[in-house]
Amino acid sequence: MYSWSGLLNAIDCGTTDVSTAFDDFNTVVKWHLDKHIIPTKTVTIKEKDPSFITPAVKRLLRKRNKLRRRGHLEKANLIANKINVMITNKRQNTLSKASSSDVRKLWAVLRKTDN
């Protein structure tokens, strides 16, 4: 719990400008992150990964695989359904940009979907 009222009042009264307030905000957030050591997960996307594999999908794939190895199949299947929906939405958005009037662009988009 942190009270931002001092910073907000300084902005409202005009005693500090927005860029200084933003710098102060970043300083406070970084201090809290360092103090409480919030764990972070790094996900890297490789060039060989299909276009529909986003960092969120990759993170869920790892979580699903971990659950399956531990025998938690019901939880893993729920995550698998979320992954399927995310991939379907990504591919629909990609294909919706394709136009049948320009055949070259249409085939280029279809090749990128890897299917």
Foldseek 3Di string as FASTA:
>chain_A
DDDCVVLVVCPVVVVDDPVVSVVVVVVVVVVVCVVVVDDDDDDDDDPPDAPLCDSVLVVLVVVLVVCVVVPVNVVSVVSVVVSVVSSVVVLVVLQVPDDPVDVVSNVVSVVSRVD
